[in-house]
Amino acid sequence: MKRITLVPHQLNFAEGMSELSSSPLVKNALGLTDEQTTVEGTRGFIEFILEQEKQGNQYSRCILNEDNQLIGVITLKDIDPIKKTCHIGTWIGHPYWGQGYNQLAKAEILYIAFTKLGLNYVFAGAKIDNLRSQKAQEKLPYIKLFVENDFPEEHQKLESQVNSKCILNVVEKETFLSWYRENGVLLRSNSPKKEYPY
């Protein structure tokens, strides 16, 4: 049974995170440089994330699988407490692709976004040429696809950030929570009962 646990970032995750993000399939999809995926570059990323969390701009978690192995990162970024919006970003290490971890991680962090952070909209974008990311988002039963015209400012902001043409999708609070009420018990029954000291 596939399970995930979301845990805060720690500097001692840097080596494992560097190894996963150095894979060309992950590095190129994320637009990372060789320097950014080194252990030192990864430590800098973790320190940046921890500072952003203190400022309330991001909520980012490392994804552990059922064997307590680091398999990826999921982040709520550009959190706007006034508009009650944010953007979501996820990456999973290549050895763990296609096993359902992405869907499990998204369900958990979206539940946090809507029930603990008080957000109403979580945007999920993808570069036009990143078909894998687009297909992964299309599989989510609670997502609303191709909302570029409904949220032009968010779409423009995303394209400016990644310097590329993008599609924009959104997860709306009530749609997600309705889905979660029907499916969340099953998801949570798959979560490890063990508490992790992170």
N, C-alpha and C. Protein backbone atom coordinates (compact mmCIF):
# COMPACT_ATOMS: atom_id res chain seq x y z
N MET A 1 0.84 -1.20 0.00
CA MET A 1 0.00 0.00 0.00
C MET A 1 0.88 1.25 0.00
N LYS A 2 0.68 2.14 -0.98
CA LYS A 2 1.46 3.37 -1.05
C LYS A 2 0.94 4.37 -0.02
N ARG A 3 1.87 4.97 0.70
CA ARG A 3 1.53 5.96 1.71
C ARG A 3 2.55 7.08 1.68
N ILE A 4 2.13 8.24 2.13
CA ILE A 4 3.08 9.36 2.22
C ILE A 4 2.92 10.06 3.56
N THR A 5 3.98 10.71 3.98
CA THR A 5 3.96 11.60 5.14
C THR A 5 4.63 12.89 4.70
N LEU A 6 4.04 14.01 5.05
CA LEU A 6 4.64 15.31 4.75
C LEU A 6 5.35 15.82 6.00
N VAL A 7 6.62 16.15 5.86
CA VAL A 7 7.41 16.61 7.00
C VAL A 7 8.14 17.90 6.65
N PRO A 8 8.43 18.74 7.64
CA PRO A 8 9.15 19.99 7.37
C PRO A 8 10.54 19.74 6.79
N HIS A 9 11.04 20.74 6.08
CA HIS A 9 12.39 20.66 5.52
C HIS A 9 13.42 20.66 6.64
N GLN A 10 14.50 19.92 6.41
CA GLN A 10 15.64 19.91 7.32
C GLN A 10 16.91 19.83 6.50
N LEU A 11 17.96 20.45 7.00
CA LEU A 11 19.22 20.45 6.26
C LEU A 11 19.78 19.05 6.05
N ASN A 12 19.44 18.11 6.96
CA ASN A 12 19.98 16.76 6.77
C ASN A 12 19.28 16.00 5.64
N PHE A 13 18.28 16.61 5.01
CA PHE A 13 17.67 16.03 3.81
C PHE A 13 18.43 16.44 2.54
N ALA A 14 19.41 17.34 2.66
CA ALA A 14 20.03 17.95 1.48
C ALA A 14 20.67 16.91 0.56
N GLU A 15 21.37 15.93 1.12
CA GLU A 15 22.06 14.96 0.28
C GLU A 15 21.08 14.12 -0.54
N GLY A 16 20.04 13.62 0.12
CA GLY A 16 19.04 12.81 -0.58
C GLY A 16 18.27 13.62 -1.60
N MET A 17 17.96 14.85 -1.25
CA MET A 17 17.22 15.73 -2.17
C MET A 17 18.08 16.08 -3.38
N SER A 18 19.35 16.32 -3.14
CA SER A 18 20.28 16.62 -4.23
C SER A 18 20.36 15.45 -5.20
N GLU A 19 20.45 14.25 -4.67
CA GLU A 19 20.56 13.07 -5.53
C GLU A 19 19.32 12.92 -6.42
N LEU A 20 18.13 13.11 -5.84
CA LEU A 20 16.89 12.96 -6.61
C LEU A 20 16.74 14.07 -7.65
N SER A 21 17.06 15.30 -7.26
CA SER A 21 16.85 16.43 -8.18
C SER A 21 17.93 16.52 -9.25
N SER A 22 19.04 15.79 -9.08
CA SER A 22 20.11 15.80 -10.08
C SER A 22 19.77 14.95 -11.31
N SER A 23 18.79 14.08 -11.19
CA SER A 23 18.37 13.28 -12.34
C SER A 23 17.93 14.22 -13.45
N PRO A 24 18.45 14.04 -14.68
CA PRO A 24 18.08 14.94 -15.78
C PRO A 24 16.57 15.06 -15.98
N LEU A 25 15.84 13.98 -15.75
CA LEU A 25 14.39 14.02 -15.95
C LEU A 25 13.71 14.99 -14.97
N VAL A 26 14.25 15.08 -13.76
CA VAL A 26 13.70 16.00 -12.76
C VAL A 26 14.29 17.39 -12.95
N LYS A 27 15.61 17.45 -13.06
CA LYS A 27 16.33 18.73 -13.17
C LYS A 27 15.83 19.56 -14.34
N ASN A 28 15.69 18.92 -15.50
CA ASN A 28 15.26 19.65 -16.69
C ASN A 28 13.81 20.10 -16.59
N ALA A 29 12.96 19.25 -16.02
CA ALA A 29 11.55 19.62 -15.86
C ALA A 29 11.40 20.83 -14.94
N LEU A 30 12.26 20.91 -13.93
CA LEU A 30 12.20 22.02 -12.97
C LEU A 30 13.00 23.24 -13.43
N GLY A 31 13.79 23.06 -14.48
CA GLY A 31 14.62 24.18 -14.96
C GLY A 31 15.76 24.52 -14.02
N LEU A 32 16.33 23.51 -13.35
CA LEU A 32 17.41 23.73 -12.40
C LEU A 32 18.77 23.64 -13.09
N THR A 33 19.75 24.35 -12.53
CA THR A 33 21.11 24.27 -13.03
C THR A 33 21.86 23.16 -12.29
N ASP A 34 23.03 22.80 -12.82
CA ASP A 34 23.87 21.81 -12.13
C ASP A 34 24.22 22.29 -10.73
N GLU A 35 24.52 23.58 -10.62
CA GLU A 35 24.91 24.15 -9.32
C GLU A 35 23.76 24.06 -8.31
N GLN A 36 22.54 24.31 -8.76
CA GLN A 36 21.40 24.27 -7.85
C GLN A 36 21.12 22.88 -7.30
N THR A 37 21.52 21.85 -8.04
CA THR A 37 21.23 20.49 -7.60
C THR A 37 22.38 19.85 -6.82
N THR A 38 23.49 20.58 -6.63
CA THR A 38 24.56 20.07 -5.76
C THR A 38 24.05 20.03 -4.32
N VAL A 39 24.78 19.33 -3.46
CA VAL A 39 24.39 19.28 -2.04
C VAL A 39 24.40 20.69 -1.45
N GLU A 40 25.43 21.47 -1.81
CA GLU A 40 25.51 22.84 -1.29
C GLU A 40 24.36 23.69 -1.82
N GLY A 41 24.07 23.57 -3.11
CA GLY A 41 22.95 24.30 -3.69
C GLY A 41 21.63 23.90 -3.07
N THR A 42 21.50 22.63 -2.76
CA THR A 42 20.26 22.13 -2.14
C THR A 42 20.13 22.66 -0.72
N ARG A 43 21.25 22.74 0.00
CA ARG A 43 21.20 23.34 1.35
C ARG A 43 20.72 24.79 1.26
N GLY A 44 21.19 25.51 0.26
CA GLY A 44 20.74 26.89 0.06
C GLY A 44 19.24 26.96 -0.21
N PHE A 45 18.74 26.01 -0.99
CA PHE A 45 17.30 25.94 -1.27
C PHE A 45 16.51 25.70 0.02
N ILE A 46 16.98 24.77 0.84
CA ILE A 46 16.28 24.45 2.09
C ILE A 46 16.28 25.66 3.01
N GLU A 47 17.41 26.36 3.11
CA GLU A 47 17.47 27.56 3.95
C GLU A 47 16.52 28.64 3.43
N PHE A 48 16.44 28.76 2.11
CA PHE A 48 15.51 29.72 1.49
C PHE A 48 14.07 29.36 1.85
N ILE A 49 13.72 28.09 1.74
CA ILE A 49 12.36 27.64 2.05
C ILE A 49 12.02 27.93 3.51
N LEU A 50 12.94 27.62 4.42
CA LEU A 50 12.68 27.84 5.84
C LEU A 50 12.45 29.32 6.14
N GLU A 51 13.20 30.20 5.46
CA GLU A 51 13.02 31.65 5.64
C GLU A 51 11.68 32.10 5.05
N GLN A 52 11.34 31.58 3.88
CA GLN A 52 10.06 31.92 3.25
C GLN A 52 8.88 31.49 4.13
N GLU A 53 9.01 30.36 4.78
CA GLU A 53 7.94 29.89 5.68
C GLU A 53 7.77 30.83 6.86
N LYS A 54 8.90 31.29 7.41
CA LYS A 54 8.84 32.23 8.53
C LYS A 54 8.08 33.49 8.13
N GLN A 55 8.26 33.91 6.87
CA GLN A 55 7.60 35.12 6.38
C GLN A 55 6.16 34.87 5.93
N GLY A 56 5.76 33.61 5.91
CA GLY A 56 4.38 33.27 5.52
C GLY A 56 4.15 33.24 4.02
N ASN A 57 5.24 33.25 3.23
CA ASN A 57 5.10 33.25 1.77
C ASN A 57 4.90 31.87 1.19
N GLN A 58 5.44 30.85 1.90
CA GLN A 58 5.38 29.49 1.39
C GLN A 58 5.06 28.52 2.52
N TYR A 59 4.53 27.38 2.12
CA TYR A 59 4.35 26.24 3.03
C TYR A 59 4.84 25.04 2.24
N SER A 60 6.03 24.55 2.59
CA SER A 60 6.66 23.50 1.80
C SER A 60 6.98 22.31 2.69
N ARG A 61 6.80 21.11 2.12
CA ARG A 61 7.05 19.89 2.88
C ARG A 61 7.81 18.87 2.03
N CYS A 62 8.66 18.11 2.69
CA CYS A 62 9.30 16.97 2.05
C CYS A 62 8.33 15.80 2.09
N ILE A 63 8.32 15.02 1.03
CA ILE A 63 7.44 13.87 0.94
C ILE A 63 8.23 12.61 1.28
N LEU A 64 7.77 11.88 2.30
CA LEU A 64 8.36 10.59 2.64
C LEU A 64 7.39 9.49 2.23
N ASN A 65 7.93 8.37 1.78
CA ASN A 65 7.06 7.26 1.41
C ASN A 65 6.84 6.32 2.60
N GLU A 66 6.21 5.18 2.33
CA GLU A 66 5.86 4.24 3.40
C GLU A 66 7.10 3.63 4.06
N ASP A 67 8.26 3.74 3.41
CA ASP A 67 9.51 3.24 3.99
C ASP A 67 10.33 4.36 4.63
N ASN A 68 9.70 5.51 4.82
CA ASN A 68 10.35 6.66 5.45
C ASN A 68 11.49 7.19 4.60
N GLN A 69 11.40 7.02 3.27
CA GLN A 69 12.41 7.53 2.35
C GLN A 69 11.94 8.84 1.75
N LEU A 70 12.87 9.79 1.63
CA LEU A 70 12.57 11.04 0.94
C LEU A 70 12.35 10.75 -0.54
N ILE A 71 11.20 11.16 -1.07
CA ILE A 71 10.92 10.89 -2.48
C ILE A 71 10.60 12.15 -3.28
N GLY A 72 10.45 13.31 -2.61
CA GLY A 72 10.15 14.52 -3.36
C GLY A 72 9.80 15.68 -2.45
N VAL A 73 9.31 16.74 -3.07
CA VAL A 73 8.97 17.98 -2.35
C VAL A 73 7.65 18.51 -2.90
N ILE A 74 6.82 19.04 -2.01
CA ILE A 74 5.57 19.68 -2.43
C ILE A 74 5.46 21.02 -1.72
N THR A 75 5.05 22.05 -2.46
CA THR A 75 5.11 23.41 -1.93
C THR A 75 3.87 24.22 -2.31
N LEU A 76 3.34 24.92 -1.33
CA LEU A 76 2.35 25.98 -1.58
C LEU A 76 3.14 27.28 -1.58
N LYS A 77 3.17 27.98 -2.72
CA LYS A 77 4.00 29.18 -2.83
C LYS A 77 3.15 30.38 -3.23
N ASP A 78 3.77 31.56 -3.08
CA ASP A 78 3.06 32.81 -3.37
C ASP A 78 1.74 32.89 -2.61
N ILE A 79 1.79 32.52 -1.33
CA ILE A 79 0.57 32.54 -0.51
C ILE A 79 0.12 33.99 -0.33
N ASP A 80 -1.13 34.27 -0.68
CA ASP A 80 -1.71 35.60 -0.54
C ASP A 80 -2.89 35.52 0.42
N PRO A 81 -2.67 35.94 1.69
CA PRO A 81 -3.74 35.82 2.69
C PRO A 81 -4.91 36.77 2.44
N ILE A 82 -4.71 37.80 1.61
CA ILE A 82 -5.80 38.72 1.28
C ILE A 82 -6.70 38.11 0.21
N LYS A 83 -6.10 37.69 -0.88
CA LYS A 83 -6.87 37.05 -1.95
C LYS A 83 -7.25 35.61 -1.61
N LYS A 84 -6.55 35.05 -0.59
CA LYS A 84 -6.74 33.65 -0.18
C LYS A 84 -6.40 32.69 -1.32
N THR A 85 -5.25 32.95 -1.94
CA THR A 85 -4.79 32.13 -3.06
C THR A 85 -3.34 31.72 -2.86
N CYS A 86 -2.92 30.72 -3.61
CA CYS A 86 -1.51 30.35 -3.71
C CYS A 86 -1.33 29.49 -4.95
N HIS A 87 -0.09 29.17 -5.24
CA HIS A 87 0.23 28.24 -6.33
C HIS A 87 0.85 27.00 -5.71
N ILE A 88 0.68 25.86 -6.36
CA ILE A 88 1.23 24.60 -5.86
C ILE A 88 2.29 24.09 -6.82
N GLY A 89 3.35 23.55 -6.26
CA GLY A 89 4.40 22.95 -7.06
C GLY A 89 4.83 21.64 -6.42
N THR A 90 5.06 20.63 -7.23
CA THR A 90 5.44 19.31 -6.73
C THR A 90 6.50 18.71 -7.63
N TRP A 91 7.46 18.05 -7.04
CA TRP A 91 8.32 17.17 -7.83
C TRP A 91 8.56 15.89 -7.06
N ILE A 92 8.60 14.80 -7.82
CA ILE A 92 8.84 13.47 -7.27
C ILE A 92 10.08 12.90 -7.94
N GLY A 93 10.95 12.26 -7.16
CA GLY A 93 12.14 11.64 -7.74
C GLY A 93 11.78 10.58 -8.76
N HIS A 94 12.57 10.51 -9.82
CA HIS A 94 12.25 9.62 -10.95
C HIS A 94 11.98 8.17 -10.55
N PRO A 95 12.72 7.56 -9.60
CA PRO A 95 12.43 6.16 -9.24
C PRO A 95 11.03 5.95 -8.68
N TYR A 96 10.36 7.03 -8.30
CA TYR A 96 9.05 6.92 -7.64
C TYR A 96 7.90 7.41 -8.52
N TRP A 97 8.20 7.67 -9.80
CA TRP A 97 7.15 8.13 -10.71
C TRP A 97 6.12 7.02 -10.97
N GLY A 98 4.89 7.46 -11.22
CA GLY A 98 3.85 6.54 -11.66
C GLY A 98 3.33 5.58 -10.60
N GLN A 99 3.56 5.90 -9.32
CA GLN A 99 3.13 5.00 -8.26
C GLN A 99 2.02 5.58 -7.37
N GLY A 100 1.54 6.78 -7.73
CA GLY A 100 0.44 7.37 -6.97
C GLY A 100 0.85 8.33 -5.88
N TYR A 101 2.16 8.53 -5.71
CA TYR A 101 2.62 9.41 -4.62
C TYR A 101 2.21 10.86 -4.85
N ASN A 102 2.23 11.30 -6.10
CA ASN A 102 1.88 12.68 -6.42
C ASN A 102 0.45 12.99 -5.96
N GLN A 103 -0.48 12.11 -6.29
CA GLN A 103 -1.88 12.32 -5.92
C GLN A 103 -2.07 12.34 -4.40
N LEU A 104 -1.38 11.42 -3.70
CA LEU A 104 -1.49 11.37 -2.24
C LEU A 104 -0.95 12.64 -1.60
N ALA A 105 0.21 13.10 -2.08
CA ALA A 105 0.83 14.30 -1.51
C ALA A 105 -0.04 15.53 -1.77
N LYS A 106 -0.58 15.64 -2.98
CA LYS A 106 -1.43 16.79 -3.30
C LYS A 106 -2.67 16.81 -2.42
N ALA A 107 -3.29 15.66 -2.22
CA ALA A 107 -4.50 15.61 -1.38
C ALA A 107 -4.20 16.09 0.04
N GLU A 108 -3.07 15.67 0.58
CA GLU A 108 -2.72 16.06 1.95
C GLU A 108 -2.44 17.55 2.07
N ILE A 109 -1.65 18.10 1.14
CA ILE A 109 -1.28 19.51 1.29
C ILE A 109 -2.44 20.42 0.92
N LEU A 110 -3.31 19.99 0.00
CA LEU A 110 -4.49 20.79 -0.33
C LEU A 110 -5.45 20.85 0.86
N TYR A 111 -5.56 19.75 1.58
CA TYR A 111 -6.40 19.75 2.79
C TYR A 111 -5.87 20.79 3.79
N ILE A 112 -4.56 20.85 3.92
CA ILE A 112 -3.93 21.86 4.81
C ILE A 112 -4.20 23.26 4.28
N ALA A 113 -4.06 23.44 2.96
CA ALA A 113 -4.27 24.77 2.36
C ALA A 113 -5.65 25.31 2.66
N PHE A 114 -6.67 24.46 2.54
CA PHE A 114 -8.04 24.93 2.67
C PHE A 114 -8.56 24.93 4.11
N THR A 115 -8.06 24.03 4.95
CA THR A 115 -8.60 23.95 6.32
C THR A 115 -7.73 24.63 7.36
N LYS A 116 -6.42 24.70 7.12
CA LYS A 116 -5.53 25.29 8.12
C LYS A 116 -5.02 26.66 7.71
N LEU A 117 -4.76 26.83 6.42
CA LEU A 117 -4.25 28.12 5.94
C LEU A 117 -5.37 29.06 5.49
N GLY A 118 -6.59 28.53 5.38
CA GLY A 118 -7.74 29.36 5.05
C GLY A 118 -7.80 29.88 3.63
N LEU A 119 -7.20 29.16 2.70
CA LEU A 119 -7.19 29.61 1.31
C LEU A 119 -8.46 29.15 0.59
N ASN A 120 -8.78 29.82 -0.51
CA ASN A 120 -9.96 29.47 -1.32
C ASN A 120 -9.60 28.90 -2.69
N TYR A 121 -8.44 29.30 -3.21
CA TYR A 121 -8.02 28.83 -4.53
C TYR A 121 -6.55 28.44 -4.49
N VAL A 122 -6.24 27.28 -5.06
CA VAL A 122 -4.85 26.86 -5.23
C VAL A 122 -4.63 26.62 -6.71
N PHE A 123 -3.71 27.42 -7.30
CA PHE A 123 -3.45 27.32 -8.73
C PHE A 123 -2.35 26.31 -9.02
N ALA A 124 -2.55 25.56 -10.09
CA ALA A 124 -1.55 24.58 -10.54
C ALA A 124 -1.27 24.86 -12.01
N GLY A 125 -0.05 25.22 -12.29
CA GLY A 125 0.31 25.52 -13.67
C GLY A 125 1.30 24.52 -14.21
N ALA A 126 1.53 24.58 -15.50
CA ALA A 126 2.54 23.75 -16.14
C ALA A 126 2.98 24.41 -17.43
N LYS A 127 4.26 24.27 -17.74
CA LYS A 127 4.74 24.77 -19.03
C LYS A 127 4.06 24.01 -20.15
N ILE A 128 3.84 24.70 -21.26
CA ILE A 128 3.17 24.09 -22.42
C ILE A 128 3.88 22.81 -22.86
N ASP A 129 5.22 22.81 -22.75
CA ASP A 129 5.97 21.64 -23.23
C ASP A 129 6.16 20.56 -22.16
N ASN A 130 5.64 20.80 -20.95
CA ASN A 130 5.77 19.80 -19.88
C ASN A 130 4.51 18.93 -19.86
N LEU A 131 4.44 18.01 -20.80
CA LEU A 131 3.24 17.20 -20.95
C LEU A 131 3.04 16.26 -19.76
N ARG A 132 4.13 15.80 -19.16
CA ARG A 132 4.00 14.90 -18.01
C ARG A 132 3.28 15.58 -16.85
N SER A 133 3.68 16.82 -16.56
CA SER A 133 3.03 17.57 -15.49
C SER A 133 1.57 17.84 -15.81
N GLN A 134 1.29 18.18 -17.07
CA GLN A 134 -0.09 18.43 -17.47
C GLN A 134 -0.95 17.19 -17.29
N LYS A 135 -0.42 16.03 -17.71
CA LYS A 135 -1.18 14.78 -17.59
C LYS A 135 -1.42 14.42 -16.13
N ALA A 136 -0.42 14.69 -15.28
CA ALA A 136 -0.56 14.39 -13.85
C ALA A 136 -1.68 15.24 -13.24
N GLN A 137 -1.75 16.52 -13.65
CA GLN A 137 -2.80 17.39 -13.12
C GLN A 137 -4.18 16.98 -13.63
N GLU A 138 -4.23 16.56 -14.88
CA GLU A 138 -5.52 16.18 -15.46
C GLU A 138 -6.14 14.98 -14.75
N LYS A 139 -5.32 14.17 -14.11
CA LYS A 139 -5.81 12.98 -13.40
C LYS A 139 -6.51 13.33 -12.09
N LEU A 140 -6.28 14.54 -11.58
CA LEU A 140 -6.86 14.92 -10.28
C LEU A 140 -8.36 15.15 -10.44
N PRO A 141 -9.19 14.43 -9.71
CA PRO A 141 -10.64 14.49 -9.93
C PRO A 141 -11.30 15.79 -9.49
N TYR A 142 -10.59 16.60 -8.73
CA TYR A 142 -11.18 17.81 -8.16
C TYR A 142 -10.66 19.09 -8.83
N ILE A 143 -9.86 18.97 -9.89
CA ILE A 143 -9.22 20.14 -10.48
C ILE A 143 -10.07 20.72 -11.62
N LYS A 144 -10.01 22.02 -11.78
CA LYS A 144 -10.67 22.71 -12.90
C LYS A 144 -9.57 23.12 -13.88
N LEU A 145 -9.70 22.63 -15.12
CA LEU A 145 -8.64 22.80 -16.11
C LEU A 145 -8.80 24.06 -16.95
N PHE A 146 -7.66 24.57 -17.40
CA PHE A 146 -7.58 25.67 -18.38
C PHE A 146 -8.40 26.90 -17.97
N VAL A 147 -7.96 27.52 -16.86
CA VAL A 147 -8.68 28.69 -16.32
C VAL A 147 -7.92 29.98 -16.61
N GLU A 148 -7.10 29.98 -17.67
CA GLU A 148 -6.28 31.15 -17.99
C GLU A 148 -7.13 32.42 -18.16
N ASN A 149 -8.29 32.29 -18.79
CA ASN A 149 -9.14 33.46 -19.03
C ASN A 149 -9.89 33.90 -17.78
N ASP A 150 -10.11 32.97 -16.85
CA ASP A 150 -10.80 33.31 -15.60
C ASP A 150 -9.87 34.03 -14.62
N PHE A 151 -8.57 33.72 -14.70
CA PHE A 151 -7.60 34.29 -13.77
C PHE A 151 -6.39 34.82 -14.55
N PRO A 152 -6.59 35.86 -15.36
CA PRO A 152 -5.50 36.34 -16.24
C PRO A 152 -4.28 36.84 -15.47
N GLU A 153 -4.48 37.46 -14.31
CA GLU A 153 -3.34 37.96 -13.54
C GLU A 153 -2.46 36.82 -13.05
N GLU A 154 -3.11 35.76 -12.55
CA GLU A 154 -2.35 34.61 -12.05
C GLU A 154 -1.62 33.92 -13.19
N HIS A 155 -2.26 33.86 -14.34
CA HIS A 155 -1.65 33.23 -15.51
C HIS A 155 -0.42 34.02 -15.96
N GLN A 156 -0.56 35.34 -16.00
CA GLN A 156 0.56 36.20 -16.41
C GLN A 156 1.71 36.10 -15.41
N LYS A 157 1.37 36.07 -14.13
CA LYS A 157 2.40 35.97 -13.09
C LYS A 157 3.19 34.66 -13.25
N LEU A 158 2.48 33.58 -13.49
CA LEU A 158 3.13 32.28 -13.65
C LEU A 158 4.07 32.29 -14.85
N GLU A 159 3.60 32.79 -15.98
CA GLU A 159 4.44 32.80 -17.18
C GLU A 159 5.67 33.69 -17.00
N SER A 160 5.51 34.78 -16.26
CA SER A 160 6.66 35.67 -16.00
C SER A 160 7.69 34.97 -15.12
N GLN A 161 7.21 34.20 -14.14
CA GLN A 161 8.12 33.52 -13.21
C GLN A 161 8.96 32.46 -13.91
N VAL A 162 8.33 31.70 -14.81
CA VAL A 162 9.05 30.59 -15.45
C VAL A 162 9.56 30.95 -16.84
N ASN A 163 9.22 32.17 -17.29
CA ASN A 163 9.67 32.67 -18.59
C ASN A 163 9.31 31.70 -19.72
N SER A 164 8.05 31.27 -19.70
CA SER A 164 7.60 30.30 -20.70
C SER A 164 6.08 30.34 -20.79
N LYS A 165 5.55 29.92 -21.92
CA LYS A 165 4.10 29.79 -22.07
C LYS A 165 3.61 28.66 -21.16
N CYS A 166 2.49 28.90 -20.48
CA CYS A 166 1.98 27.92 -19.52
C CYS A 166 0.47 27.74 -19.66
N ILE A 167 0.01 26.59 -19.17
CA ILE A 167 -1.43 26.42 -18.95
C ILE A 167 -1.67 26.64 -17.46
N LEU A 168 -2.91 27.01 -17.10
CA LEU A 168 -3.24 27.26 -15.70
C LEU A 168 -4.49 26.49 -15.32
N ASN A 169 -4.39 25.75 -14.23
CA ASN A 169 -5.53 25.04 -13.66
C ASN A 169 -5.75 25.55 -12.23
N VAL A 170 -6.88 25.21 -11.64
CA VAL A 170 -7.14 25.66 -10.27
C VAL A 170 -7.90 24.59 -9.49
N VAL A 171 -7.62 24.54 -8.21
CA VAL A 171 -8.40 23.72 -7.27
C VAL A 171 -9.16 24.69 -6.38
N GLU A 172 -10.49 24.54 -6.36
CA GLU A 172 -11.34 25.42 -5.55
C GLU A 172 -11.70 24.72 -4.25
N LYS A 173 -11.76 25.50 -3.21
CA LYS A 173 -11.94 24.97 -1.85
C LYS A 173 -13.14 24.02 -1.72
N GLU A 174 -14.32 24.46 -2.10
CA GLU A 174 -15.52 23.65 -1.87
C GLU A 174 -15.51 22.38 -2.70
N THR A 175 -15.03 22.47 -3.93
CA THR A 175 -14.95 21.28 -4.78
C THR A 175 -14.01 20.25 -4.18
N PHE A 176 -12.85 20.73 -3.71
CA PHE A 176 -11.89 19.80 -3.13
C PHE A 176 -12.41 19.18 -1.83
N LEU A 177 -12.96 20.02 -0.94
CA LEU A 177 -13.40 19.49 0.35
C LEU A 177 -14.56 18.52 0.19
N SER A 178 -15.41 18.76 -0.79
CA SER A 178 -16.48 17.81 -1.09
C SER A 178 -15.89 16.46 -1.51
N TRP A 179 -14.89 16.51 -2.38
CA TRP A 179 -14.21 15.29 -2.80
C TRP A 179 -13.52 14.63 -1.62
N TYR A 180 -12.88 15.44 -0.78
CA TYR A 180 -12.10 14.90 0.34
C TYR A 180 -13.00 14.24 1.38
N ARG A 181 -14.17 14.82 1.58
CA ARG A 181 -15.11 14.22 2.55
C ARG A 181 -15.48 12.80 2.12
N GLU A 182 -15.56 12.58 0.82
CA GLU A 182 -15.92 11.25 0.31
C GLU A 182 -14.72 10.31 0.26
N ASN A 183 -13.52 10.84 0.08
CA ASN A 183 -12.35 10.00 -0.16
C ASN A 183 -11.25 10.14 0.89
N GLY A 184 -11.34 11.16 1.73
CA GLY A 184 -10.27 11.44 2.68
C GLY A 184 -10.06 10.37 3.72
N VAL A 185 -11.12 9.71 4.14
CA VAL A 185 -10.99 8.66 5.15
C VAL A 185 -10.10 7.54 4.61
N LEU A 186 -10.33 7.21 3.35
CA LEU A 186 -9.51 6.17 2.72
C LEU A 186 -8.05 6.61 2.63
N LEU A 187 -7.84 7.87 2.25
CA LEU A 187 -6.48 8.39 2.16
C LEU A 187 -5.78 8.34 3.51
N ARG A 188 -6.50 8.78 4.54
CA ARG A 188 -5.89 8.85 5.86
C ARG A 188 -5.64 7.46 6.44
N SER A 189 -6.47 6.49 6.07
CA SER A 189 -6.26 5.13 6.56
C SER A 189 -4.97 4.54 5.99
N ASN A 190 -4.50 5.14 4.89
CA ASN A 190 -3.26 4.69 4.28
C ASN A 190 -2.04 5.42 4.84
N SER A 191 -2.29 6.41 5.71
CA SER A 191 -1.17 7.18 6.26
C SER A 191 -0.51 6.41 7.40
N PRO A 192 0.80 6.54 7.53
CA PRO A 192 1.49 5.85 8.62
C PRO A 192 1.00 6.34 9.98
N LYS A 193 0.87 5.44 10.92
CA LYS A 193 0.43 5.82 12.27
C LYS A 193 1.62 6.34 13.08
N LYS A 194 2.83 5.98 12.63
CA LYS A 194 4.04 6.35 13.34
C LYS A 194 4.27 7.86 13.28
N GLU A 195 4.70 8.42 14.39
CA GLU A 195 5.04 9.84 14.40
C GLU A 195 6.54 9.98 14.09
N TYR A 196 6.86 10.90 13.17
CA TYR A 196 8.26 11.09 12.80
C TYR A 196 8.84 12.28 13.54
N PRO A 197 10.08 12.16 14.03
CA PRO A 197 10.67 13.22 14.85
C PRO A 197 11.25 14.35 14.03
N TYR A 198 10.49 14.86 13.04
CA TYR A 198 10.98 15.97 12.23
C TYR A 198 10.14 17.20 12.53
